[in-house]
Each structure stands twice: as C-alpha cells, then as structure tokens.
Amino acid sequence: PACTLLALYDDVTEVLDMPKVFTVELYVAKQGNYLMAHDDD
C-alpha cells in the first residue's frame, strides 16, 4: 500500500535507469533541495 519493492538486480537497475519515471519524490519532504532529492536535472 505504501510502495513497490523490487528484489531482483535486473529490475532494480532498470528502475534506476529511468529517473523520470521512477522518481525520488518520496525523499523530497525530508531532504529538501539536497542533490539526492533531485532527479536528472
């Protein structure tokens, strides 16, 4: 209900290669303007 977990390496790397689809929005509230709270910008 809160998120989707990936347990296989290939799935994880595929997601990490698509930052515009699978974003870091979940961390924005905590990390603010820190670079890890930004996607490919």
PDB file of all heavy atoms in Angstrom:
ATOM      1  N   PRO A   1       0.800  -1.226   0.000  1.00  0.00           N
ATOM      2  CA  PRO A   1       0.000   0.000   0.000  1.00  0.00           C
ATOM      3  C   PRO A   1       0.832   1.276   0.000  1.00  0.00           C
ATOM      4  O   PRO A   1       0.365   2.330  -0.424  1.00  0.00           O
ATOM      5  CB  PRO A   1      -0.810  -0.117   1.298  1.00  0.00           C
ATOM      6  CG  PRO A   1      -0.870  -1.575   1.590  1.00  0.00           C
ATOM      7  CD  PRO A   1       0.443  -2.113   1.124  1.00  0.00           C
ATOM      8  N   ALA A   2       2.085   1.194   0.463  1.00  0.00           N
ATOM      9  CA  ALA A   2       2.931   2.391   0.560  1.00  0.00           C
ATOM     10  C   ALA A   2       3.934   2.510  -0.578  1.00  0.00           C
ATOM     11  O   ALA A   2       4.299   3.617  -0.973  1.00  0.00           O
ATOM     12  CB  ALA A   2       3.677   2.396   1.891  1.00  0.00           C
ATOM     13  N   CYS A   3       4.403   1.381  -1.104  1.00  0.00           N
ATOM     14  CA  CYS A   3       5.435   1.422  -2.142  1.00  0.00           C
ATOM     15  C   CYS A   3       5.516   0.060  -2.814  1.00  0.00           C
ATOM     16  O   CYS A   3       4.822  -0.886  -2.426  1.00  0.00           O
ATOM     17  CB  CYS A   3       6.783   1.797  -1.540  1.00  0.00           C
ATOM     18  SG  CYS A   3       7.422   0.552  -0.388  1.00  0.00           S
ATOM     19  N   THR A   4       6.366  -0.031  -3.827  1.00  0.00           N
ATOM     20  CA  THR A   4       6.630  -1.296  -4.513  1.00  0.00           C
ATOM     21  C   THR A   4       8.073  -1.693  -4.274  1.00  0.00           C
ATOM     22  O   THR A   4       8.984  -0.896  -4.507  1.00  0.00           O
ATOM     23  CB  THR A   4       6.351  -1.175  -6.020  1.00  0.00           C
ATOM     24  OG1 THR A   4       4.970  -0.861  -6.213  1.00  0.00           O
ATOM     25  CG2 THR A   4       6.678  -2.479  -6.739  1.00  0.00           C
ATOM     26  N   LEU A   5       8.301  -2.920  -3.811  1.00  0.00           N
ATOM     27  CA  LEU A   5       9.643  -3.423  -3.547  1.00  0.00           C
ATOM     28  C   LEU A   5      10.113  -4.275  -4.712  1.00  0.00           C
ATOM     29  O   LEU A   5       9.352  -5.088  -5.243  1.00  0.00           O
ATOM     30  CB  LEU A   5       9.661  -4.284  -2.276  1.00  0.00           C
ATOM     31  CG  LEU A   5      10.001  -3.590  -0.955  1.00  0.00           C
ATOM     32  CD1 LEU A   5       8.888  -2.620  -0.583  1.00  0.00           C
ATOM     33  CD2 LEU A   5      10.216  -4.600   0.135  1.00  0.00           C
ATOM     34  N   LEU A   6      11.373  -4.079  -5.095  1.00  0.00           N
ATOM     35  CA  LEU A   6      11.996  -4.882  -6.135  1.00  0.00           C
ATOM     36  C   LEU A   6      13.101  -5.712  -5.496  1.00  0.00           C
ATOM     37  O   LEU A   6      13.936  -5.185  -4.772  1.00  0.00           O
ATOM     38  CB  LEU A   6      12.591  -3.990  -7.223  1.00  0.00           C
ATOM     39  CG  LEU A   6      11.636  -2.970  -7.856  1.00  0.00           C
ATOM     40  CD1 LEU A   6      12.383  -2.121  -8.874  1.00  0.00           C
ATOM     41  CD2 LEU A   6      10.454  -3.663  -8.501  1.00  0.00           C
ATOM     42  N   ALA A   7      13.143  -7.001  -5.806  1.00  0.00           N
ATOM     43  CA  ALA A   7      14.103  -7.894  -5.151  1.00  0.00           C
ATOM     44  C   ALA A   7      15.151  -8.455  -6.102  1.00  0.00           C
ATOM     45  O   ALA A   7      16.073  -9.130  -5.657  1.00  0.00           O
ATOM     46  CB  ALA A   7      13.363  -9.045  -4.467  1.00  0.00           C
ATOM     47  N   LEU A   8      15.031  -8.186  -7.401  1.00  0.00           N
ATOM     48  CA  LEU A   8      15.986  -8.715  -8.362  1.00  0.00           C
ATOM     49  C   LEU A   8      16.870  -7.606  -8.919  1.00  0.00           C
ATOM     50  O   LEU A   8      16.405  -6.495  -9.192  1.00  0.00           O
ATOM     51  CB  LEU A   8      15.261  -9.411  -9.518  1.00  0.00           C
ATOM     52  CG  LEU A   8      14.478 -10.676  -9.168  1.00  0.00           C
ATOM     53  CD1 LEU A   8      13.803 -11.228 -10.408  1.00  0.00           C
ATOM     54  CD2 LEU A   8      15.395 -11.726  -8.544  1.00  0.00           C
ATOM     55  N   TYR A   9      18.126  -7.904  -9.103  1.00  0.00           N
ATOM     56  CA  TYR A   9      19.115  -6.930  -9.572  1.00  0.00           C
ATOM     57  C   TYR A   9      18.691  -6.282 -10.893  1.00  0.00           C
ATOM     58  O   TYR A   9      18.767  -5.061 -11.051  1.00  0.00           O
ATOM     59  CB  TYR A   9      20.466  -7.627  -9.730  1.00  0.00           C
ATOM     60  CG  TYR A   9      21.542  -6.752 -10.338  1.00  0.00           C
ATOM     61  CD1 TYR A   9      22.274  -5.871  -9.546  1.00  0.00           C
ATOM     62  CD2 TYR A   9      21.826  -6.818 -11.704  1.00  0.00           C
ATOM     63  CE1 TYR A   9      23.264  -5.066 -10.100  1.00  0.00           C
ATOM     64  CE2 TYR A   9      22.805  -6.018 -12.266  1.00  0.00           C
ATOM     65  CZ  TYR A   9      23.521  -5.146 -11.459  1.00  0.00           C
ATOM     66  OH  TYR A   9      24.489  -4.349 -12.020  1.00  0.00           O
ATOM     67  N   ASP A  10      18.262  -7.093 -11.850  1.00  0.00           N
ATOM     68  CA  ASP A  10      17.902  -6.548 -13.160  1.00  0.00           C
ATOM     69  C   ASP A  10      16.757  -5.546 -13.063  1.00  0.00           C
ATOM     70  O   ASP A  10      16.739  -4.530 -13.774  1.00  0.00           O
ATOM     71  CB  ASP A  10      17.534  -7.671 -14.124  1.00  0.00           C
ATOM     72  CG  ASP A  10      18.749  -8.479 -14.570  1.00  0.00           C
ATOM     73  OD1 ASP A  10      19.879  -7.974 -14.403  1.00  0.00           O
ATOM     74  OD2 ASP A  10      18.566  -9.600 -15.080  1.00  0.00           O
ATOM     75  N   ASP A  11      15.781  -5.822 -12.213  1.00  0.00           N
ATOM     76  CA  ASP A  11      14.660  -4.893 -12.041  1.00  0.00           C
ATOM     77  C   ASP A  11      15.124  -3.592 -11.391  1.00  0.00           C
ATOM     78  O   ASP A  11      14.690  -2.503 -11.778  1.00  0.00           O
ATOM     79  CB  ASP A  11      13.563  -5.541 -11.185  1.00  0.00           C
ATOM     80  CG  ASP A  11      12.869  -6.688 -11.899  1.00  0.00           C
ATOM     81  OD1 ASP A  11      12.837  -6.677 -13.142  1.00  0.00           O
ATOM     82  OD2 ASP A  11      12.374  -7.597 -11.213  1.00  0.00           O
ATOM     83  N   VAL A  12      15.992  -3.699 -10.399  1.00  0.00           N
ATOM     84  CA  VAL A  12      16.492  -2.508  -9.705  1.00  0.00           C
ATOM     85  C   VAL A  12      17.269  -1.622 -10.658  1.00  0.00           C
ATOM     86  O   VAL A  12      17.064  -0.401 -10.722  1.00  0.00           O
ATOM     87  CB  VAL A  12      17.362  -2.909  -8.495  1.00  0.00           C
ATOM     88  CG1 VAL A  12      18.034  -1.680  -7.898  1.00  0.00           C
ATOM     89  CG2 VAL A  12      16.508  -3.615  -7.439  1.00  0.00           C
ATOM     90  N   THR A  13      18.179  -2.204 -11.441  1.00  0.00           N
ATOM     91  CA  THR A  13      18.981  -1.400 -12.360  1.00  0.00           C
ATOM     92  C   THR A  13      18.122  -0.780 -13.452  1.00  0.00           C
ATOM     93  O   THR A  13      18.384   0.340 -13.895  1.00  0.00           O
ATOM     94  CB  THR A  13      20.106  -2.235 -12.988  1.00  0.00           C
ATOM     95  OG1 THR A  13      19.554  -3.404 -13.610  1.00  0.00           O
ATOM     96  CG2 THR A  13      21.113  -2.655 -11.929  1.00  0.00           C
ATOM     97  N   GLU A  14      17.086  -1.490 -13.888  1.00  0.00           N
ATOM     98  CA  GLU A  14      16.189  -0.920 -14.895  1.00  0.00           C
ATOM     99  C   GLU A  14      15.472   0.313 -14.344  1.00  0.00           C
ATOM    100  O   GLU A  14      15.348   1.336 -15.022  1.00  0.00           O
ATOM    101  CB  GLU A  14      15.163  -1.964 -15.345  1.00  0.00           C
ATOM    102  CG  GLU A  14      14.230  -1.454 -16.429  1.00  0.00           C
ATOM    103  CD  GLU A  14      13.251  -2.507 -16.909  1.00  0.00           C
ATOM    104  OE1 GLU A  14      13.272  -3.648 -16.384  1.00  0.00           O
ATOM    105  OE2 GLU A  14      12.457  -2.196 -17.815  1.00  0.00           O
ATOM    106  N   VAL A  15      15.016   0.217 -13.106  1.00  0.00           N
ATOM    107  CA  VAL A  15      14.344   1.356 -12.477  1.00  0.00           C
ATOM    108  C   VAL A  15      15.294   2.534 -12.307  1.00  0.00           C
ATOM    109  O   VAL A  15      14.943   3.689 -12.579  1.00  0.00           O
ATOM    110  CB  VAL A  15      13.754   0.927 -11.117  1.00  0.00           C
ATOM    111  CG1 VAL A  15      13.410   2.139 -10.267  1.00  0.00           C
ATOM    112  CG2 VAL A  15      12.513   0.074 -11.327  1.00  0.00           C
ATOM    113  N   LEU A  16      16.513   2.262 -11.859  1.00  0.00           N
ATOM    114  CA  LEU A  16      17.476   3.340 -11.642  1.00  0.00           C
ATOM    115  C   LEU A  16      17.848   4.056 -12.928  1.00  0.00           C
ATOM    116  O   LEU A  16      18.276   5.214 -12.906  1.00  0.00           O
ATOM    117  CB  LEU A  16      18.733   2.792 -10.966  1.00  0.00           C
ATOM    118  CG  LEU A  16      18.552   2.307  -9.525  1.00  0.00           C
ATOM    119  CD1 LEU A  16      19.845   1.686  -9.007  1.00  0.00           C
ATOM    120  CD2 LEU A  16      18.106   3.444  -8.616  1.00  0.00           C
ATOM    121  N   ASP A  17      17.689   3.391 -14.051  1.00  0.00           N
ATOM    122  CA  ASP A  17      17.993   3.998 -15.343  1.00  0.00           C
ATOM    123  C   ASP A  17      16.831   4.824 -15.902  1.00  0.00           C
ATOM    124  O   ASP A  17      16.951   5.375 -17.002  1.00  0.00           O
ATOM    125  CB  ASP A  17      18.371   2.911 -16.362  1.00  0.00           C
ATOM    126  CG  ASP A  17      19.791   2.413 -16.174  1.00  0.00           C
ATOM    127  OD1 ASP A  17      20.608   3.168 -15.610  1.00  0.00           O
ATOM    128  OD2 ASP A  17      20.086   1.279 -16.589  1.00  0.00           O
ATOM    129  N   MET A  18      15.744   4.915 -15.150  1.00  0.00           N
ATOM    130  CA  MET A  18      14.580   5.683 -15.618  1.00  0.00           C
ATOM    131  C   MET A  18      14.135   6.693 -14.551  1.00  0.00           C
ATOM    132  O   MET A  18      13.042   6.590 -13.990  1.00  0.00           O
ATOM    133  CB  MET A  18      13.428   4.745 -15.973  1.00  0.00           C
ATOM    134  CG  MET A  18      13.726   3.848 -17.160  1.00  0.00           C
ATOM    135  SD  MET A  18      12.290   2.906 -17.713  1.00  0.00           S
ATOM    136  CE  MET A  18      12.192   1.675 -16.421  1.00  0.00           C
ATOM    137  N   PRO A  19      14.993   7.691 -14.241  1.00  0.00           N
ATOM    138  CA  PRO A  19      14.673   8.617 -13.146  1.00  0.00           C
ATOM    139  C   PRO A  19      13.463   9.505 -13.406  1.00  0.00           C
ATOM    140  O   PRO A  19      12.903  10.052 -12.462  1.00  0.00           O
ATOM    141  CB  PRO A  19      15.961   9.449 -13.021  1.00  0.00           C
ATOM    142  CG  PRO A  19      16.587   9.376 -14.370  1.00  0.00           C
ATOM    143  CD  PRO A  19      16.283   8.002 -14.869  1.00  0.00           C
ATOM    144  N   LYS A  20      13.073   9.664 -14.660  1.00  0.00           N
ATOM    145  CA  LYS A  20      11.901  10.484 -14.951  1.00  0.00           C
ATOM    146  C   LYS A  20      10.603   9.715 -14.711  1.00  0.00           C
ATOM    147  O   LYS A  20       9.546  10.305 -14.527  1.00  0.00           O
ATOM    148  CB  LYS A  20      11.934  10.977 -16.405  1.00  0.00           C
ATOM    149  CG  LYS A  20      13.109  11.892 -16.727  1.00  0.00           C
ATOM    150  CD  LYS A  20      13.079  13.163 -15.904  1.00  0.00           C
ATOM    151  CE  LYS A  20      14.192  14.116 -16.323  1.00  0.00           C
ATOM    152  NZ  LYS A  20      14.243  15.315 -15.470  1.00  0.00           N
ATOM    153  N   VAL A  21      10.690   8.400 -14.710  1.00  0.00           N
ATOM    154  CA  VAL A  21       9.516   7.557 -14.453  1.00  0.00           C
ATOM    155  C   VAL A  21       9.459   7.166 -12.981  1.00  0.00           C
ATOM    156  O   VAL A  21       8.430   7.320 -12.309  1.00  0.00           O
ATOM    157  CB  VAL A  21       9.544   6.302 -15.346  1.00  0.00           C
ATOM    158  CG1 VAL A  21       8.342   5.403 -15.035  1.00  0.00           C
ATOM    159  CG2 VAL A  21       9.555   6.695 -16.821  1.00  0.00           C
ATOM    160  N   PHE A  22      10.573   6.655 -12.476  1.00  0.00           N
ATOM    161  CA  PHE A  22      10.673   6.249 -11.079  1.00  0.00           C
ATOM    162  C   PHE A  22      11.491   7.327 -10.356  1.00  0.00           C
ATOM    163  O   PHE A  22      12.723   7.289 -10.360  1.00  0.00           O
ATOM    164  CB  PHE A  22      11.327   4.874 -10.963  1.00  0.00           C
ATOM    165  CG  PHE A  22      10.579   3.794 -11.691  1.00  0.00           C
ATOM    166  CD1 PHE A  22      10.957   3.413 -12.967  1.00  0.00           C
ATOM    167  CD2 PHE A  22       9.477   3.186 -11.103  1.00  0.00           C
ATOM    168  CE1 PHE A  22      10.263   2.420 -13.642  1.00  0.00           C
ATOM    169  CE2 PHE A  22       8.776   2.201 -11.776  1.00  0.00           C
ATOM    170  CZ  PHE A  22       9.168   1.814 -13.055  1.00  0.00           C
ATOM    171  N   THR A  23      10.812   8.276  -9.765  1.00  0.00           N
ATOM    172  CA  THR A  23      11.464   9.475  -9.249  1.00  0.00           C
ATOM    173  C   THR A  23      11.875   9.318  -7.784  1.00  0.00           C
ATOM    174  O   THR A  23      11.579   8.311  -7.142  1.00  0.00           O
ATOM    175  CB  THR A  23      10.521  10.684  -9.372  1.00  0.00           C
ATOM    176  OG1 THR A  23       9.479  10.569  -8.384  1.00  0.00           O
ATOM    177  CG2 THR A  23       9.898  10.762 -10.748  1.00  0.00           C
ATOM    178  N   VAL A  24      12.525  10.364  -7.271  1.00  0.00           N
ATOM    179  CA  VAL A  24      12.938  10.400  -5.866  1.00  0.00           C
ATOM    180  C   VAL A  24      11.981  11.263  -5.038  1.00  0.00           C
ATOM    181  O   VAL A  24      12.336  11.728  -3.961  1.00  0.00           O
ATOM    182  CB  VAL A  24      14.371  10.940  -5.729  1.00  0.00           C
ATOM    183  CG1 VAL A  24      15.359   9.972  -6.339  1.00  0.00           C
ATOM    184  CG2 VAL A  24      14.507  12.324  -6.357  1.00  0.00           C
ATOM    185  N   GLU A  25      10.773  11.440  -5.535  1.00  0.00           N
ATOM    186  CA  GLU A  25       9.811  12.319  -4.866  1.00  0.00           C
ATOM    187  C   GLU A  25       9.574  11.924  -3.415  1.00  0.00           C
ATOM    188  O   GLU A  25       9.339  12.774  -2.552  1.00  0.00           O
ATOM    189  CB  GLU A  25       8.486  12.313  -5.626  1.00  0.00           C
ATOM    190  CG  GLU A  25       7.439  13.264  -5.064  1.00  0.00           C
ATOM    191  CD  GLU A  25       6.157  13.252  -5.861  1.00  0.00           C
ATOM    192  OE1 GLU A  25       6.111  12.589  -6.920  1.00  0.00           O
ATOM    193  OE2 GLU A  25       5.188  13.905  -5.430  1.00  0.00           O
ATOM    194  N   LEU A  26       9.663  10.646  -3.111  1.00  0.00           N
ATOM    195  CA  LEU A  26       9.434  10.156  -1.753  1.00  0.00           C
ATOM    196  C   LEU A  26      10.374  10.817  -0.742  1.00  0.00           C
ATOM    197  O   LEU A  26      10.031  10.970   0.423  1.00  0.00           O
ATOM    198  CB  LEU A  26       9.626   8.638  -1.733  1.00  0.00           C
ATOM    199  CG  LEU A  26       9.300   7.884  -0.442  1.00  0.00           C
ATOM    200  CD1 LEU A  26       7.821   7.983  -0.120  1.00  0.00           C
ATOM    201  CD2 LEU A  26       9.708   6.429  -0.568  1.00  0.00           C
ATOM    202  N   TYR A  27      11.574  11.220  -1.188  1.00  0.00           N
ATOM    203  CA  TYR A  27      12.577  11.764  -0.281  1.00  0.00           C
ATOM    204  C   TYR A  27      12.603  13.286  -0.222  1.00  0.00           C
ATOM    205  O   TYR A  27      13.331  13.861   0.588  1.00  0.00           O
ATOM    206  CB  TYR A  27      13.975  11.254  -0.689  1.00  0.00           C
ATOM    207  CG  TYR A  27      14.110   9.768  -0.556  1.00  0.00           C
ATOM    208  CD1 TYR A  27      13.817   8.918  -1.625  1.00  0.00           C
ATOM    209  CD2 TYR A  27      14.502   9.183   0.644  1.00  0.00           C
ATOM    210  CE1 TYR A  27      13.922   7.541  -1.498  1.00  0.00           C
ATOM    211  CE2 TYR A  27      14.614   7.814   0.784  1.00  0.00           C
ATOM    212  CZ  TYR A  27      14.317   6.995  -0.297  1.00  0.00           C
ATOM    213  OH  TYR A  27      14.409   5.635  -0.166  1.00  0.00           O
ATOM    214  N   VAL A  28      11.815  13.946  -1.058  1.00  0.00           N
ATOM    215  CA  VAL A  28      11.867  15.400  -1.138  1.00  0.00           C
ATOM    216  C   VAL A  28      11.475  16.047   0.185  1.00  0.00           C
ATOM    217  O   VAL A  28      12.106  17.008   0.636  1.00  0.00           O
ATOM    218  CB  VAL A  28      10.980  15.908  -2.281  1.00  0.00           C
ATOM    219  CG1 VAL A  28      10.852  17.436  -2.235  1.00  0.00           C
ATOM    220  CG2 VAL A  28      11.546  15.468  -3.626  1.00  0.00           C
ATOM    221  N   ALA A  29      10.451  15.530   0.824  1.00  0.00           N
ATOM    222  CA  ALA A  29       9.969  16.135   2.073  1.00  0.00           C
ATOM    223  C   ALA A  29      11.054  16.164   3.139  1.00  0.00           C
ATOM    224  O   ALA A  29      11.144  17.104   3.930  1.00  0.00           O
ATOM    225  CB  ALA A  29       8.756  15.360   2.587  1.00  0.00           C
ATOM    226  N   LYS A  30      11.920  15.160   3.152  1.00  0.00           N
ATOM    227  CA  LYS A  30      12.972  15.072   4.158  1.00  0.00           C
ATOM    228  C   LYS A  30      14.248  15.778   3.725  1.00  0.00           C
ATOM    229  O   LYS A  30      14.885  16.481   4.510  1.00  0.00           O
ATOM    230  CB  LYS A  30      13.275  13.595   4.451  1.00  0.00           C
ATOM    231  CG  LYS A  30      14.389  13.372   5.465  1.00  0.00           C
ATOM    232  CD  LYS A  30      13.977  13.808   6.856  1.00  0.00           C
ATOM    233  CE  LYS A  30      15.068  13.534   7.852  1.00  0.00           C
ATOM    234  NZ  LYS A  30      14.697  13.932   9.206  1.00  0.00           N
ATOM    235  N   GLN A  31      14.641  15.610   2.470  1.00  0.00           N
ATOM    236  CA  GLN A  31      15.947  16.075   2.036  1.00  0.00           C
ATOM    237  C   GLN A  31      15.925  17.430   1.348  1.00  0.00           C
ATOM    238  O   GLN A  31      16.980  17.992   1.047  1.00  0.00           O
ATOM    239  CB  GLN A  31      16.587  15.031   1.127  1.00  0.00           C
ATOM    240  CG  GLN A  31      16.803  13.704   1.831  1.00  0.00           C
ATOM    241  CD  GLN A  31      17.726  12.774   1.070  1.00  0.00           C
ATOM    242  OE1 GLN A  31      18.376  13.158   0.120  1.00  0.00           O
ATOM    243  NE2 GLN A  31      17.779  11.524   1.502  1.00  0.00           N
ATOM    244  N   GLY A  32      14.759  17.968   1.100  1.00  0.00           N
ATOM    245  CA  GLY A  32      14.646  19.326   0.580  1.00  0.00           C
ATOM    246  C   GLY A  32      15.367  19.531  -0.732  1.00  0.00           C
ATOM    247  O   GLY A  32      15.109  18.820  -1.700  1.00  0.00           O
ATOM    248  N   ASN A  33      16.306  20.485  -0.768  1.00  0.00           N
ATOM    249  CA  ASN A  33      16.988  20.848  -2.011  1.00  0.00           C
ATOM    250  C   ASN A  33      18.305  20.100  -2.201  1.00  0.00           C
ATOM    251  O   ASN A  33      19.097  20.439  -3.075  1.00  0.00           O
ATOM    252  CB  ASN A  33      17.246  22.365  -2.042  1.00  0.00           C
ATOM    253  CG  ASN A  33      17.337  22.892  -3.453  1.00  0.00           C
ATOM    254  OD1 ASN A  33      16.601  22.444  -4.332  1.00  0.00           O
ATOM    255  ND2 ASN A  33      18.227  23.841  -3.688  1.00  0.00           N
ATOM    256  N   TYR A  34      18.555  19.091  -1.375  1.00  0.00           N
ATOM    257  CA  TYR A  34      19.778  18.304  -1.482  1.00  0.00           C
ATOM    258  C   TYR A  34      19.790  17.561  -2.822  1.00  0.00           C
ATOM    259  O   TYR A  34      18.735  17.151  -3.334  1.00  0.00           O
ATOM    260  CB  TYR A  34      19.841  17.330  -0.309  1.00  0.00           C
ATOM    261  CG  TYR A  34      21.045  16.432  -0.270  1.00  0.00           C
ATOM    262  CD1 TYR A  34      22.333  16.960  -0.341  1.00  0.00           C
ATOM    263  CD2 TYR A  34      20.901  15.060  -0.140  1.00  0.00           C
ATOM    264  CE1 TYR A  34      23.449  16.145  -0.293  1.00  0.00           C
ATOM    265  CE2 TYR A  34      22.008  14.228  -0.087  1.00  0.00           C
ATOM    266  CZ  TYR A  34      23.272  14.773  -0.164  1.00  0.00           C
ATOM    267  OH  TYR A  34      24.369  13.953  -0.121  1.00  0.00           O
ATOM    268  N   LEU A  35      20.962  17.357  -3.394  1.00  0.00           N
ATOM    269  CA  LEU A  35      21.046  16.790  -4.739  1.00  0.00           C
ATOM    270  C   LEU A  35      20.363  15.434  -4.863  1.00  0.00           C
ATOM    271  O   LEU A  35      19.843  15.088  -5.925  1.00  0.00           O
ATOM    272  CB  LEU A  35      22.503  16.700  -5.196  1.00  0.00           C
ATOM    273  CG  LEU A  35      23.431  15.641  -4.574  1.00  0.00           C
ATOM    274  CD1 LEU A  35      23.438  14.376  -5.421  1.00  0.00           C
ATOM    275  CD2 LEU A  35      24.848  16.160  -4.449  1.00  0.00           C
ATOM    276  N   MET A  36      20.355  14.645  -3.786  1.00  0.00           N
ATOM    277  CA  MET A  36      19.727  13.324  -3.867  1.00  0.00           C
ATOM    278  C   MET A  36      18.215  13.391  -3.845  1.00  0.00           C
ATOM    279  O   MET A  36      17.541  12.380  -4.042  1.00  0.00           O
ATOM    280  CB  MET A  36      20.257  12.424  -2.744  1.00  0.00           C
ATOM    281  CG  MET A  36      21.720  12.085  -2.897  1.00  0.00           C
ATOM    282  SD  MET A  36      22.317  10.881  -1.689  1.00  0.00           S
ATOM    283  CE  MET A  36      21.464   9.404  -2.207  1.00  0.00           C
ATOM    284  N   ALA A  37      17.658  14.586  -3.606  1.00  0.00           N
ATOM    285  CA  ALA A  37      16.215  14.773  -3.692  1.00  0.00           C
ATOM    286  C   ALA A  37      15.831  15.326  -5.061  1.00  0.00           C
ATOM    287  O   ALA A  37      14.694  15.727  -5.279  1.00  0.00           O
ATOM    288  CB  ALA A  37      15.724  15.705  -2.593  1.00  0.00           C
ATOM    289  N   HIS A  38      16.782  15.346  -5.971  1.00  0.00           N
ATOM    290  CA  HIS A  38      16.537  15.778  -7.345  1.00  0.00           C
ATOM    291  C   HIS A  38      16.801  14.611  -8.280  1.00  0.00           C
ATOM    292  O   HIS A  38      17.667  13.780  -8.038  1.00  0.00           O
ATOM    293  CB  HIS A  38      17.449  16.952  -7.714  1.00  0.00           C
ATOM    294  CG  HIS A  38      17.023  18.247  -7.131  1.00  0.00           C
ATOM    295  ND1 HIS A  38      16.450  19.250  -7.870  1.00  0.00           N
ATOM    296  CD2 HIS A  38      17.058  18.709  -5.859  1.00  0.00           C
ATOM    297  CE1 HIS A  38      16.162  20.287  -7.094  1.00  0.00           C
ATOM    298  NE2 HIS A  38      16.522  19.970  -5.857  1.00  0.00           N
ATOM    299  N   ASP A  39      16.047  14.602  -9.377  1.00  0.00           N
ATOM    300  CA  ASP A  39      16.286  13.591 -10.388  1.00  0.00           C
ATOM    301  C   ASP A  39      17.294  14.130 -11.403  1.00  0.00           C
ATOM    302  O   ASP A  39      18.119  14.977 -11.073  1.00  0.00           O
ATOM    303  CB  ASP A  39      14.959  13.199 -11.046  1.00  0.00           C
ATOM    304  CG  ASP A  39      14.095  12.383 -10.110  1.00  0.00           C
ATOM    305  OD1 ASP A  39      14.558  11.333  -9.652  1.00  0.00           O
ATOM    306  OD2 ASP A  39      12.950  12.788  -9.831  1.00  0.00           O
ATOM    307  N   ASP A  40      17.223  13.692 -12.597  1.00  0.00           N
ATOM    308  CA  ASP A  40      18.195  14.030 -13.636  1.00  0.00           C
ATOM    309  C   ASP A  40      17.988  15.468 -14.115  1.00  0.00           C
ATOM    310  O   ASP A  40      17.430  15.714 -15.184  1.00  0.00           O
ATOM    311  CB  ASP A  40      18.039  13.041 -14.786  1.00  0.00           C
ATOM    312  CG  ASP A  40      19.132  13.186 -15.815  1.00  0.00           C
ATOM    313  OD1 ASP A  40      20.160  13.804 -15.496  1.00  0.00           O
ATOM    314  OD2 ASP A  40      18.943  12.681 -16.936  1.00  0.00           O
ATOM    315  N   ASP A  41      18.442  16.428 -13.284  1.00  0.00           N
ATOM    316  CA  ASP A  41      18.293  17.834 -13.648  1.00  0.00           C
ATOM    317  C   ASP A  41      19.618  18.564 -13.452  1.00  0.00           C
ATOM    318  O   ASP A  41      20.627  17.978 -13.073  1.00  0.00           O
ATOM    319  CB  ASP A  41      17.170  18.507 -12.847  1.00  0.00           C
ATOM    320  CG  ASP A  41      17.406  18.486 -11.346  1.00  0.00           C
ATOM    321  OD1 ASP A  41      18.529  18.145 -10.912  1.00  0.00           O
ATOM    322  OD2 ASP A  41      16.472  18.804 -10.590  1.00  0.00           O
TER     323      ASP A  41
END
